[in-house]
PDBML (XML) file of the C-alpha atoms, coordinates in Angstrom:
<?xml version="1.0" encoding="UTF-8" ?>
<PDBx:datablock datablockName="MODEL"
   xmlns:PDBx="http://pdbml.pdb.org/schema/pdbx-v50.xsd"
   xmlns:xsi="http://www.w3.org/2001/XMLSchema-instance"
   xsi:schemaLocation="http://pdbml.pdb.org/schema/pdbx-v50.xsd pdbx-v50.xsd">
   <PDBx:atom_siteCategory>
      <PDBx:atom_site id="1">
         <PDBx:B_iso_or_equiv>0.00</PDBx:B_iso_or_equiv>
         <PDBx:Cartn_x>101.316</PDBx:Cartn_x>
         <PDBx:Cartn_y>173.215</PDBx:Cartn_y>
         <PDBx:Cartn_z>94.075</PDBx:Cartn_z>
         <PDBx:auth_asym_id>A</PDBx:auth_asym_id>
         <PDBx:auth_atom_id>CA</PDBx:auth_atom_id>
         <PDBx:auth_comp_id>ASP</PDBx:auth_comp_id>
         <PDBx:auth_seq_id>1</PDBx:auth_seq_id>
         <PDBx:group_PDB>ATOM</PDBx:group_PDB>
         <PDBx:label_alt_id xsi:nil="true" />
         <PDBx:label_asym_id>A</PDBx:label_asym_id>
         <PDBx:label_atom_id>CA</PDBx:label_atom_id>
         <PDBx:label_comp_id>ASP</PDBx:label_comp_id>
         <PDBx:label_entity_id>1</PDBx:label_entity_id>
         <PDBx:label_seq_id>1</PDBx:label_seq_id>
         <PDBx:occupancy>1.00</PDBx:occupancy>
         <PDBx:pdbx_PDB_model_num>1</PDBx:pdbx_PDB_model_num>
         <PDBx:type_symbol>C</PDBx:type_symbol>
      </PDBx:atom_site>
      <PDBx:atom_site id="2">
         <PDBx:B_iso_or_equiv>0.00</PDBx:B_iso_or_equiv>
         <PDBx:Cartn_x>104.036</PDBx:Cartn_x>
         <PDBx:Cartn_y>173.555</PDBx:Cartn_y>
         <PDBx:Cartn_z>96.677</PDBx:Cartn_z>
         <PDBx:auth_asym_id>A</PDBx:auth_asym_id>
         <PDBx:auth_atom_id>CA</PDBx:auth_atom_id>
         <PDBx:auth_comp_id>ILE</PDBx:auth_comp_id>
         <PDBx:auth_seq_id>2</PDBx:auth_seq_id>
         <PDBx:group_PDB>ATOM</PDBx:group_PDB>
         <PDBx:label_alt_id xsi:nil="true" />
         <PDBx:label_asym_id>A</PDBx:label_asym_id>
         <PDBx:label_atom_id>CA</PDBx:label_atom_id>
         <PDBx:label_comp_id>ILE</PDBx:label_comp_id>
         <PDBx:label_entity_id>1</PDBx:label_entity_id>
         <PDBx:label_seq_id>2</PDBx:label_seq_id>
         <PDBx:occupancy>1.00</PDBx:occupancy>
         <PDBx:pdbx_PDB_model_num>1</PDBx:pdbx_PDB_model_num>
         <PDBx:type_symbol>C</PDBx:type_symbol>
      </PDBx:atom_site>
      <PDBx:atom_site id="3">
         <PDBx:B_iso_or_equiv>0.00</PDBx:B_iso_or_equiv>
         <PDBx:Cartn_x>103.825</PDBx:Cartn_x>
         <PDBx:Cartn_y>176.422</PDBx:Cartn_y>
         <PDBx:Cartn_z>99.175</PDBx:Cartn_z>
         <PDBx:auth_asym_id>A</PDBx:auth_asym_id>
         <PDBx:auth_atom_id>CA</PDBx:auth_atom_id>
         <PDBx:auth_comp_id>VAL</PDBx:auth_comp_id>
         <PDBx:auth_seq_id>3</PDBx:auth_seq_id>
         <PDBx:group_PDB>ATOM</PDBx:group_PDB>
         <PDBx:label_alt_id xsi:nil="true" />
         <PDBx:label_asym_id>A</PDBx:label_asym_id>
         <PDBx:label_atom_id>CA</PDBx:label_atom_id>
         <PDBx:label_comp_id>VAL</PDBx:label_comp_id>
         <PDBx:label_entity_id>1</PDBx:label_entity_id>
         <PDBx:label_seq_id>3</PDBx:label_seq_id>
         <PDBx:occupancy>1.00</PDBx:occupancy>
         <PDBx:pdbx_PDB_model_num>1</PDBx:pdbx_PDB_model_num>
         <PDBx:type_symbol>C</PDBx:type_symbol>
      </PDBx:atom_site>
      <PDBx:atom_site id="4">
         <PDBx:B_iso_or_equiv>0.00</PDBx:B_iso_or_equiv>
         <PDBx:Cartn_x>106.586</PDBx:Cartn_x>
         <PDBx:Cartn_y>178.222</PDBx:Cartn_y>
         <PDBx:Cartn_z>101.073</PDBx:Cartn_z>
         <PDBx:auth_asym_id>A</PDBx:auth_asym_id>
         <PDBx:auth_atom_id>CA</PDBx:auth_atom_id>
         <PDBx:auth_comp_id>TYR</PDBx:auth_comp_id>
         <PDBx:auth_seq_id>4</PDBx:auth_seq_id>
         <PDBx:group_PDB>ATOM</PDBx:group_PDB>
         <PDBx:label_alt_id xsi:nil="true" />
         <PDBx:label_asym_id>A</PDBx:label_asym_id>
         <PDBx:label_atom_id>CA</PDBx:label_atom_id>
         <PDBx:label_comp_id>TYR</PDBx:label_comp_id>
         <PDBx:label_entity_id>1</PDBx:label_entity_id>
         <PDBx:label_seq_id>4</PDBx:label_seq_id>
         <PDBx:occupancy>1.00</PDBx:occupancy>
         <PDBx:pdbx_PDB_model_num>1</PDBx:pdbx_PDB_model_num>
         <PDBx:type_symbol>C</PDBx:type_symbol>
      </PDBx:atom_site>
      <PDBx:atom_site id="5">
         <PDBx:B_iso_or_equiv>0.00</PDBx:B_iso_or_equiv>
         <PDBx:Cartn_x>106.455</PDBx:Cartn_x>
         <PDBx:Cartn_y>180.506</PDBx:Cartn_y>
         <PDBx:Cartn_z>104.103</PDBx:Cartn_z>
         <PDBx:auth_asym_id>A</PDBx:auth_asym_id>
         <PDBx:auth_atom_id>CA</PDBx:auth_atom_id>
         <PDBx:auth_comp_id>GLU</PDBx:auth_comp_id>
         <PDBx:auth_seq_id>5</PDBx:auth_seq_id>
         <PDBx:group_PDB>ATOM</PDBx:group_PDB>
         <PDBx:label_alt_id xsi:nil="true" />
         <PDBx:label_asym_id>A</PDBx:label_asym_id>
         <PDBx:label_atom_id>CA</PDBx:label_atom_id>
         <PDBx:label_comp_id>GLU</PDBx:label_comp_id>
         <PDBx:label_entity_id>1</PDBx:label_entity_id>
         <PDBx:label_seq_id>5</PDBx:label_seq_id>
         <PDBx:occupancy>1.00</PDBx:occupancy>
         <PDBx:pdbx_PDB_model_num>1</PDBx:pdbx_PDB_model_num>
         <PDBx:type_symbol>C</PDBx:type_symbol>
      </PDBx:atom_site>
      <PDBx:atom_site id="6">
         <PDBx:B_iso_or_equiv>0.00</PDBx:B_iso_or_equiv>
         <PDBx:Cartn_x>108.734</PDBx:Cartn_x>
         <PDBx:Cartn_y>183.514</PDBx:Cartn_y>
         <PDBx:Cartn_z>103.732</PDBx:Cartn_z>
         <PDBx:auth_asym_id>A</PDBx:auth_asym_id>
         <PDBx:auth_atom_id>CA</PDBx:auth_atom_id>
         <PDBx:auth_comp_id>LEU</PDBx:auth_comp_id>
         <PDBx:auth_seq_id>6</PDBx:auth_seq_id>
         <PDBx:group_PDB>ATOM</PDBx:group_PDB>
         <PDBx:label_alt_id xsi:nil="true" />
         <PDBx:label_asym_id>A</PDBx:label_asym_id>
         <PDBx:label_atom_id>CA</PDBx:label_atom_id>
         <PDBx:label_comp_id>LEU</PDBx:label_comp_id>
         <PDBx:label_entity_id>1</PDBx:label_entity_id>
         <PDBx:label_seq_id>6</PDBx:label_seq_id>
         <PDBx:occupancy>1.00</PDBx:occupancy>
         <PDBx:pdbx_PDB_model_num>1</PDBx:pdbx_PDB_model_num>
         <PDBx:type_symbol>C</PDBx:type_symbol>
      </PDBx:atom_site>
      <PDBx:atom_site id="7">
         <PDBx:B_iso_or_equiv>0.00</PDBx:B_iso_or_equiv>
         <PDBx:Cartn_x>110.897</PDBx:Cartn_x>
         <PDBx:Cartn_y>185.181</PDBx:Cartn_y>
         <PDBx:Cartn_z>106.379</PDBx:Cartn_z>
         <PDBx:auth_asym_id>A</PDBx:auth_asym_id>
         <PDBx:auth_atom_id>CA</PDBx:auth_atom_id>
         <PDBx:auth_comp_id>LYS</PDBx:auth_comp_id>
         <PDBx:auth_seq_id>7</PDBx:auth_seq_id>
         <PDBx:group_PDB>ATOM</PDBx:group_PDB>
         <PDBx:label_alt_id xsi:nil="true" />
         <PDBx:label_asym_id>A</PDBx:label_asym_id>
         <PDBx:label_atom_id>CA</PDBx:label_atom_id>
         <PDBx:label_comp_id>LYS</PDBx:label_comp_id>
         <PDBx:label_entity_id>1</PDBx:label_entity_id>
         <PDBx:label_seq_id>7</PDBx:label_seq_id>
         <PDBx:occupancy>1.00</PDBx:occupancy>
         <PDBx:pdbx_PDB_model_num>1</PDBx:pdbx_PDB_model_num>
         <PDBx:type_symbol>C</PDBx:type_symbol>
      </PDBx:atom_site>
      <PDBx:atom_site id="8">
         <PDBx:B_iso_or_equiv>0.00</PDBx:B_iso_or_equiv>
         <PDBx:Cartn_x>109.557</PDBx:Cartn_x>
         <PDBx:Cartn_y>188.670</PDBx:Cartn_y>
         <PDBx:Cartn_z>105.730</PDBx:Cartn_z>
         <PDBx:auth_asym_id>A</PDBx:auth_asym_id>
         <PDBx:auth_atom_id>CA</PDBx:auth_atom_id>
         <PDBx:auth_comp_id>THR</PDBx:auth_comp_id>
         <PDBx:auth_seq_id>8</PDBx:auth_seq_id>
         <PDBx:group_PDB>ATOM</PDBx:group_PDB>
         <PDBx:label_alt_id xsi:nil="true" />
         <PDBx:label_asym_id>A</PDBx:label_asym_id>
         <PDBx:label_atom_id>CA</PDBx:label_atom_id>
         <PDBx:label_comp_id>THR</PDBx:label_comp_id>
         <PDBx:label_entity_id>1</PDBx:label_entity_id>
         <PDBx:label_seq_id>8</PDBx:label_seq_id>
         <PDBx:occupancy>1.00</PDBx:occupancy>
         <PDBx:pdbx_PDB_model_num>1</PDBx:pdbx_PDB_model_num>
         <PDBx:type_symbol>C</PDBx:type_symbol>
      </PDBx:atom_site>
      <PDBx:atom_site id="9">
         <PDBx:B_iso_or_equiv>0.00</PDBx:B_iso_or_equiv>
         <PDBx:Cartn_x>106.613</PDBx:Cartn_x>
         <PDBx:Cartn_y>190.343</PDBx:Cartn_y>
         <PDBx:Cartn_z>103.953</PDBx:Cartn_z>
         <PDBx:auth_asym_id>A</PDBx:auth_asym_id>
         <PDBx:auth_atom_id>CA</PDBx:auth_atom_id>
         <PDBx:auth_comp_id>ALA</PDBx:auth_comp_id>
         <PDBx:auth_seq_id>9</PDBx:auth_seq_id>
         <PDBx:group_PDB>ATOM</PDBx:group_PDB>
         <PDBx:label_alt_id xsi:nil="true" />
         <PDBx:label_asym_id>A</PDBx:label_asym_id>
         <PDBx:label_atom_id>CA</PDBx:label_atom_id>
         <PDBx:label_comp_id>ALA</PDBx:label_comp_id>
         <PDBx:label_entity_id>1</PDBx:label_entity_id>
         <PDBx:label_seq_id>9</PDBx:label_seq_id>
         <PDBx:occupancy>1.00</PDBx:occupancy>
         <PDBx:pdbx_PDB_model_num>1</PDBx:pdbx_PDB_model_num>
         <PDBx:type_symbol>C</PDBx:type_symbol>
      </PDBx:atom_site>
      <PDBx:atom_site id="10">
         <PDBx:B_iso_or_equiv>0.00</PDBx:B_iso_or_equiv>
         <PDBx:Cartn_x>108.112</PDBx:Cartn_x>
         <PDBx:Cartn_y>189.930</PDBx:Cartn_y>
         <PDBx:Cartn_z>100.475</PDBx:Cartn_z>
         <PDBx:auth_asym_id>A</PDBx:auth_asym_id>
         <PDBx:auth_atom_id>CA</PDBx:auth_atom_id>
         <PDBx:auth_comp_id>ASP</PDBx:auth_comp_id>
         <PDBx:auth_seq_id>10</PDBx:auth_seq_id>
         <PDBx:group_PDB>ATOM</PDBx:group_PDB>
         <PDBx:label_alt_id xsi:nil="true" />
         <PDBx:label_asym_id>A</PDBx:label_asym_id>
         <PDBx:label_atom_id>CA</PDBx:label_atom_id>
         <PDBx:label_comp_id>ASP</PDBx:label_comp_id>
         <PDBx:label_entity_id>1</PDBx:label_entity_id>
         <PDBx:label_seq_id>10</PDBx:label_seq_id>
         <PDBx:occupancy>1.00</PDBx:occupancy>
         <PDBx:pdbx_PDB_model_num>1</PDBx:pdbx_PDB_model_num>
         <PDBx:type_symbol>C</PDBx:type_symbol>
      </PDBx:atom_site>
      <PDBx:atom_site id="11">
         <PDBx:B_iso_or_equiv>0.00</PDBx:B_iso_or_equiv>
         <PDBx:Cartn_x>105.064</PDBx:Cartn_x>
         <PDBx:Cartn_y>188.671</PDBx:Cartn_y>
         <PDBx:Cartn_z>98.594</PDBx:Cartn_z>
         <PDBx:auth_asym_id>A</PDBx:auth_asym_id>
         <PDBx:auth_atom_id>CA</PDBx:auth_atom_id>
         <PDBx:auth_comp_id>SER</PDBx:auth_comp_id>
         <PDBx:auth_seq_id>11</PDBx:auth_seq_id>
         <PDBx:group_PDB>ATOM</PDBx:group_PDB>
         <PDBx:label_alt_id xsi:nil="true" />
         <PDBx:label_asym_id>A</PDBx:label_asym_id>
         <PDBx:label_atom_id>CA</PDBx:label_atom_id>
         <PDBx:label_comp_id>SER</PDBx:label_comp_id>
         <PDBx:label_entity_id>1</PDBx:label_entity_id>
         <PDBx:label_seq_id>11</PDBx:label_seq_id>
         <PDBx:occupancy>1.00</PDBx:occupancy>
         <PDBx:pdbx_PDB_model_num>1</PDBx:pdbx_PDB_model_num>
         <PDBx:type_symbol>C</PDBx:type_symbol>
      </PDBx:atom_site>
      <PDBx:atom_site id="12">
         <PDBx:B_iso_or_equiv>0.00</PDBx:B_iso_or_equiv>
         <PDBx:Cartn_x>101.624</PDBx:Cartn_x>
         <PDBx:Cartn_y>189.951</PDBx:Cartn_y>
         <PDBx:Cartn_z>97.674</PDBx:Cartn_z>
         <PDBx:auth_asym_id>A</PDBx:auth_asym_id>
         <PDBx:auth_atom_id>CA</PDBx:auth_atom_id>
         <PDBx:auth_comp_id>LEU</PDBx:auth_comp_id>
         <PDBx:auth_seq_id>12</PDBx:auth_seq_id>
         <PDBx:group_PDB>ATOM</PDBx:group_PDB>
         <PDBx:label_alt_id xsi:nil="true" />
         <PDBx:label_asym_id>A</PDBx:label_asym_id>
         <PDBx:label_atom_id>CA</PDBx:label_atom_id>
         <PDBx:label_comp_id>LEU</PDBx:label_comp_id>
         <PDBx:label_entity_id>1</PDBx:label_entity_id>
         <PDBx:label_seq_id>12</PDBx:label_seq_id>
         <PDBx:occupancy>1.00</PDBx:occupancy>
         <PDBx:pdbx_PDB_model_num>1</PDBx:pdbx_PDB_model_num>
         <PDBx:type_symbol>C</PDBx:type_symbol>
      </PDBx:atom_site>
      <PDBx:atom_site id="13">
         <PDBx:B_iso_or_equiv>0.00</PDBx:B_iso_or_equiv>
         <PDBx:Cartn_x>100.224</PDBx:Cartn_x>
         <PDBx:Cartn_y>188.380</PDBx:Cartn_y>
         <PDBx:Cartn_z>100.847</PDBx:Cartn_z>
         <PDBx:auth_asym_id>A</PDBx:auth_asym_id>
         <PDBx:auth_atom_id>CA</PDBx:auth_atom_id>
         <PDBx:auth_comp_id>ASP</PDBx:auth_comp_id>
         <PDBx:auth_seq_id>13</PDBx:auth_seq_id>
         <PDBx:group_PDB>ATOM</PDBx:group_PDB>
         <PDBx:label_alt_id xsi:nil="true" />
         <PDBx:label_asym_id>A</PDBx:label_asym_id>
         <PDBx:label_atom_id>CA</PDBx:label_atom_id>
         <PDBx:label_comp_id>ASP</PDBx:label_comp_id>
         <PDBx:label_entity_id>1</PDBx:label_entity_id>
         <PDBx:label_seq_id>13</PDBx:label_seq_id>
         <PDBx:occupancy>1.00</PDBx:occupancy>
         <PDBx:pdbx_PDB_model_num>1</PDBx:pdbx_PDB_model_num>
         <PDBx:type_symbol>C</PDBx:type_symbol>
      </PDBx:atom_site>
      <PDBx:atom_site id="14">
         <PDBx:B_iso_or_equiv>0.00</PDBx:B_iso_or_equiv>
         <PDBx:Cartn_x>101.121</PDBx:Cartn_x>
         <PDBx:Cartn_y>191.499</PDBx:Cartn_y>
         <PDBx:Cartn_z>102.797</PDBx:Cartn_z>
         <PDBx:auth_asym_id>A</PDBx:auth_asym_id>
         <PDBx:auth_atom_id>CA</PDBx:auth_atom_id>
         <PDBx:auth_comp_id>LYS</PDBx:auth_comp_id>
         <PDBx:auth_seq_id>14</PDBx:auth_seq_id>
         <PDBx:group_PDB>ATOM</PDBx:group_PDB>
         <PDBx:label_alt_id xsi:nil="true" />
         <PDBx:label_asym_id>A</PDBx:label_asym_id>
         <PDBx:label_atom_id>CA</PDBx:label_atom_id>
         <PDBx:label_comp_id>LYS</PDBx:label_comp_id>
         <PDBx:label_entity_id>1</PDBx:label_entity_id>
         <PDBx:label_seq_id>14</PDBx:label_seq_id>
         <PDBx:occupancy>1.00</PDBx:occupancy>
         <PDBx:pdbx_PDB_model_num>1</PDBx:pdbx_PDB_model_num>
         <PDBx:type_symbol>C</PDBx:type_symbol>
      </PDBx:atom_site>
      <PDBx:atom_site id="15">
         <PDBx:B_iso_or_equiv>0.00</PDBx:B_iso_or_equiv>
         <PDBx:Cartn_x>98.363</PDBx:Cartn_x>
         <PDBx:Cartn_y>193.334</PDBx:Cartn_y>
         <PDBx:Cartn_z>100.929</PDBx:Cartn_z>
         <PDBx:auth_asym_id>A</PDBx:auth_asym_id>
         <PDBx:auth_atom_id>CA</PDBx:auth_atom_id>
         <PDBx:auth_comp_id>TYR</PDBx:auth_comp_id>
         <PDBx:auth_seq_id>15</PDBx:auth_seq_id>
         <PDBx:group_PDB>ATOM</PDBx:group_PDB>
         <PDBx:label_alt_id xsi:nil="true" />
         <PDBx:label_asym_id>A</PDBx:label_asym_id>
         <PDBx:label_atom_id>CA</PDBx:label_atom_id>
         <PDBx:label_comp_id>TYR</PDBx:label_comp_id>
         <PDBx:label_entity_id>1</PDBx:label_entity_id>
         <PDBx:label_seq_id>15</PDBx:label_seq_id>
         <PDBx:occupancy>1.00</PDBx:occupancy>
         <PDBx:pdbx_PDB_model_num>1</PDBx:pdbx_PDB_model_num>
         <PDBx:type_symbol>C</PDBx:type_symbol>
      </PDBx:atom_site>
      <PDBx:atom_site id="16">
         <PDBx:B_iso_or_equiv>0.00</PDBx:B_iso_or_equiv>
         <PDBx:Cartn_x>95.777</PDBx:Cartn_x>
         <PDBx:Cartn_y>191.191</PDBx:Cartn_y>
         <PDBx:Cartn_z>102.735</PDBx:Cartn_z>
         <PDBx:auth_asym_id>A</PDBx:auth_asym_id>
         <PDBx:auth_atom_id>CA</PDBx:auth_atom_id>
         <PDBx:auth_comp_id>ASN</PDBx:auth_comp_id>
         <PDBx:auth_seq_id>16</PDBx:auth_seq_id>
         <PDBx:group_PDB>ATOM</PDBx:group_PDB>
         <PDBx:label_alt_id xsi:nil="true" />
         <PDBx:label_asym_id>A</PDBx:label_asym_id>
         <PDBx:label_atom_id>CA</PDBx:label_atom_id>
         <PDBx:label_comp_id>ASN</PDBx:label_comp_id>
         <PDBx:label_entity_id>1</PDBx:label_entity_id>
         <PDBx:label_seq_id>16</PDBx:label_seq_id>
         <PDBx:occupancy>1.00</PDBx:occupancy>
         <PDBx:pdbx_PDB_model_num>1</PDBx:pdbx_PDB_model_num>
         <PDBx:type_symbol>C</PDBx:type_symbol>
      </PDBx:atom_site>
      <PDBx:atom_site id="17">
         <PDBx:B_iso_or_equiv>0.00</PDBx:B_iso_or_equiv>
         <PDBx:Cartn_x>96.234</PDBx:Cartn_x>
         <PDBx:Cartn_y>193.619</PDBx:Cartn_y>
         <PDBx:Cartn_z>105.635</PDBx:Cartn_z>
         <PDBx:auth_asym_id>A</PDBx:auth_asym_id>
         <PDBx:auth_atom_id>CA</PDBx:auth_atom_id>
         <PDBx:auth_comp_id>LYS</PDBx:auth_comp_id>
         <PDBx:auth_seq_id>17</PDBx:auth_seq_id>
         <PDBx:group_PDB>ATOM</PDBx:group_PDB>
         <PDBx:label_alt_id xsi:nil="true" />
         <PDBx:label_asym_id>A</PDBx:label_asym_id>
         <PDBx:label_atom_id>CA</PDBx:label_atom_id>
         <PDBx:label_comp_id>LYS</PDBx:label_comp_id>
         <PDBx:label_entity_id>1</PDBx:label_entity_id>
         <PDBx:label_seq_id>17</PDBx:label_seq_id>
         <PDBx:occupancy>1.00</PDBx:occupancy>
         <PDBx:pdbx_PDB_model_num>1</PDBx:pdbx_PDB_model_num>
         <PDBx:type_symbol>C</PDBx:type_symbol>
      </PDBx:atom_site>
      <PDBx:atom_site id="18">
         <PDBx:B_iso_or_equiv>0.00</PDBx:B_iso_or_equiv>
         <PDBx:Cartn_x>93.784</PDBx:Cartn_x>
         <PDBx:Cartn_y>196.506</PDBx:Cartn_y>
         <PDBx:Cartn_z>105.398</PDBx:Cartn_z>
         <PDBx:auth_asym_id>A</PDBx:auth_asym_id>
         <PDBx:auth_atom_id>CA</PDBx:auth_atom_id>
         <PDBx:auth_comp_id>LEU</PDBx:auth_comp_id>
         <PDBx:auth_seq_id>18</PDBx:auth_seq_id>
         <PDBx:group_PDB>ATOM</PDBx:group_PDB>
         <PDBx:label_alt_id xsi:nil="true" />
         <PDBx:label_asym_id>A</PDBx:label_asym_id>
         <PDBx:label_atom_id>CA</PDBx:label_atom_id>
         <PDBx:label_comp_id>LEU</PDBx:label_comp_id>
         <PDBx:label_entity_id>1</PDBx:label_entity_id>
         <PDBx:label_seq_id>18</PDBx:label_seq_id>
         <PDBx:occupancy>1.00</PDBx:occupancy>
         <PDBx:pdbx_PDB_model_num>1</PDBx:pdbx_PDB_model_num>
         <PDBx:type_symbol>C</PDBx:type_symbol>
      </PDBx:atom_site>
      <PDBx:atom_site id="19">
         <PDBx:B_iso_or_equiv>0.00</PDBx:B_iso_or_equiv>
         <PDBx:Cartn_x>96.257</PDBx:Cartn_x>
         <PDBx:Cartn_y>199.390</PDBx:Cartn_y>
         <PDBx:Cartn_z>105.546</PDBx:Cartn_z>
         <PDBx:auth_asym_id>A</PDBx:auth_asym_id>
         <PDBx:auth_atom_id>CA</PDBx:auth_atom_id>
         <PDBx:auth_comp_id>HIS</PDBx:auth_comp_id>
         <PDBx:auth_seq_id>19</PDBx:auth_seq_id>
         <PDBx:group_PDB>ATOM</PDBx:group_PDB>
         <PDBx:label_alt_id xsi:nil="true" />
         <PDBx:label_asym_id>A</PDBx:label_asym_id>
         <PDBx:label_atom_id>CA</PDBx:label_atom_id>
         <PDBx:label_comp_id>HIS</PDBx:label_comp_id>
         <PDBx:label_entity_id>1</PDBx:label_entity_id>
         <PDBx:label_seq_id>19</PDBx:label_seq_id>
         <PDBx:occupancy>1.00</PDBx:occupancy>
         <PDBx:pdbx_PDB_model_num>1</PDBx:pdbx_PDB_model_num>
         <PDBx:type_symbol>C</PDBx:type_symbol>
      </PDBx:atom_site>
      <PDBx:atom_site id="20">
         <PDBx:B_iso_or_equiv>0.00</PDBx:B_iso_or_equiv>
         <PDBx:Cartn_x>98.465</PDBx:Cartn_x>
         <PDBx:Cartn_y>197.861</PDBx:Cartn_y>
         <PDBx:Cartn_z>102.841</PDBx:Cartn_z>
         <PDBx:auth_asym_id>A</PDBx:auth_asym_id>
         <PDBx:auth_atom_id>CA</PDBx:auth_atom_id>
         <PDBx:auth_comp_id>TRP</PDBx:auth_comp_id>
         <PDBx:auth_seq_id>20</PDBx:auth_seq_id>
         <PDBx:group_PDB>ATOM</PDBx:group_PDB>
         <PDBx:label_alt_id xsi:nil="true" />
         <PDBx:label_asym_id>A</PDBx:label_asym_id>
         <PDBx:label_atom_id>CA</PDBx:label_atom_id>
         <PDBx:label_comp_id>TRP</PDBx:label_comp_id>
         <PDBx:label_entity_id>1</PDBx:label_entity_id>
         <PDBx:label_seq_id>20</PDBx:label_seq_id>
         <PDBx:occupancy>1.00</PDBx:occupancy>
         <PDBx:pdbx_PDB_model_num>1</PDBx:pdbx_PDB_model_num>
         <PDBx:type_symbol>C</PDBx:type_symbol>
      </PDBx:atom_site>
      <PDBx:atom_site id="21">
         <PDBx:B_iso_or_equiv>0.00</PDBx:B_iso_or_equiv>
         <PDBx:Cartn_x>95.382</PDBx:Cartn_x>
         <PDBx:Cartn_y>197.062</PDBx:Cartn_y>
         <PDBx:Cartn_z>100.750</PDBx:Cartn_z>
         <PDBx:auth_asym_id>A</PDBx:auth_asym_id>
         <PDBx:auth_atom_id>CA</PDBx:auth_atom_id>
         <PDBx:auth_comp_id>MET</PDBx:auth_comp_id>
         <PDBx:auth_seq_id>21</PDBx:auth_seq_id>
         <PDBx:group_PDB>ATOM</PDBx:group_PDB>
         <PDBx:label_alt_id xsi:nil="true" />
         <PDBx:label_asym_id>A</PDBx:label_asym_id>
         <PDBx:label_atom_id>CA</PDBx:label_atom_id>
         <PDBx:label_comp_id>MET</PDBx:label_comp_id>
         <PDBx:label_entity_id>1</PDBx:label_entity_id>
         <PDBx:label_seq_id>21</PDBx:label_seq_id>
         <PDBx:occupancy>1.00</PDBx:occupancy>
         <PDBx:pdbx_PDB_model_num>1</PDBx:pdbx_PDB_model_num>
         <PDBx:type_symbol>C</PDBx:type_symbol>
      </PDBx:atom_site>
      <PDBx:atom_site id="22">
         <PDBx:B_iso_or_equiv>0.00</PDBx:B_iso_or_equiv>
         <PDBx:Cartn_x>94.257</PDBx:Cartn_x>
         <PDBx:Cartn_y>200.698</PDBx:Cartn_y>
         <PDBx:Cartn_z>100.924</PDBx:Cartn_z>
         <PDBx:auth_asym_id>A</PDBx:auth_asym_id>
         <PDBx:auth_atom_id>CA</PDBx:auth_atom_id>
         <PDBx:auth_comp_id>LEU</PDBx:auth_comp_id>
         <PDBx:auth_seq_id>22</PDBx:auth_seq_id>
         <PDBx:group_PDB>ATOM</PDBx:group_PDB>
         <PDBx:label_alt_id xsi:nil="true" />
         <PDBx:label_asym_id>A</PDBx:label_asym_id>
         <PDBx:label_atom_id>CA</PDBx:label_atom_id>
         <PDBx:label_comp_id>LEU</PDBx:label_comp_id>
         <PDBx:label_entity_id>1</PDBx:label_entity_id>
         <PDBx:label_seq_id>22</PDBx:label_seq_id>
         <PDBx:occupancy>1.00</PDBx:occupancy>
         <PDBx:pdbx_PDB_model_num>1</PDBx:pdbx_PDB_model_num>
         <PDBx:type_symbol>C</PDBx:type_symbol>
      </PDBx:atom_site>
      <PDBx:atom_site id="23">
         <PDBx:B_iso_or_equiv>0.00</PDBx:B_iso_or_equiv>
         <PDBx:Cartn_x>97.746</PDBx:Cartn_x>
         <PDBx:Cartn_y>201.887</PDBx:Cartn_y>
         <PDBx:Cartn_z>100.030</PDBx:Cartn_z>
         <PDBx:auth_asym_id>A</PDBx:auth_asym_id>
         <PDBx:auth_atom_id>CA</PDBx:auth_atom_id>
         <PDBx:auth_comp_id>TRP</PDBx:auth_comp_id>
         <PDBx:auth_seq_id>23</PDBx:auth_seq_id>
         <PDBx:group_PDB>ATOM</PDBx:group_PDB>
         <PDBx:label_alt_id xsi:nil="true" />
         <PDBx:label_asym_id>A</PDBx:label_asym_id>
         <PDBx:label_atom_id>CA</PDBx:label_atom_id>
         <PDBx:label_comp_id>TRP</PDBx:label_comp_id>
         <PDBx:label_entity_id>1</PDBx:label_entity_id>
         <PDBx:label_seq_id>23</PDBx:label_seq_id>
         <PDBx:occupancy>1.00</PDBx:occupancy>
         <PDBx:pdbx_PDB_model_num>1</PDBx:pdbx_PDB_model_num>
         <PDBx:type_symbol>C</PDBx:type_symbol>
      </PDBx:atom_site>
      <PDBx:atom_site id="24">
         <PDBx:B_iso_or_equiv>0.00</PDBx:B_iso_or_equiv>
         <PDBx:Cartn_x>97.876</PDBx:Cartn_x>
         <PDBx:Cartn_y>199.557</PDBx:Cartn_y>
         <PDBx:Cartn_z>97.009</PDBx:Cartn_z>
         <PDBx:auth_asym_id>A</PDBx:auth_asym_id>
         <PDBx:auth_atom_id>CA</PDBx:auth_atom_id>
         <PDBx:auth_comp_id>ALA</PDBx:auth_comp_id>
         <PDBx:auth_seq_id>24</PDBx:auth_seq_id>
         <PDBx:group_PDB>ATOM</PDBx:group_PDB>
         <PDBx:label_alt_id xsi:nil="true" />
         <PDBx:label_asym_id>A</PDBx:label_asym_id>
         <PDBx:label_atom_id>CA</PDBx:label_atom_id>
         <PDBx:label_comp_id>ALA</PDBx:label_comp_id>
         <PDBx:label_entity_id>1</PDBx:label_entity_id>
         <PDBx:label_seq_id>24</PDBx:label_seq_id>
         <PDBx:occupancy>1.00</PDBx:occupancy>
         <PDBx:pdbx_PDB_model_num>1</PDBx:pdbx_PDB_model_num>
         <PDBx:type_symbol>C</PDBx:type_symbol>
      </PDBx:atom_site>
   </PDBx:atom_siteCategory>
</PDBx:datablock>
């Protein structure tokens, strides 16, 4: 694997935050 950090919340990682998780 190679891993990249993105400039903005453009991946599924943003749904680790509770409010986004609830929305999803």
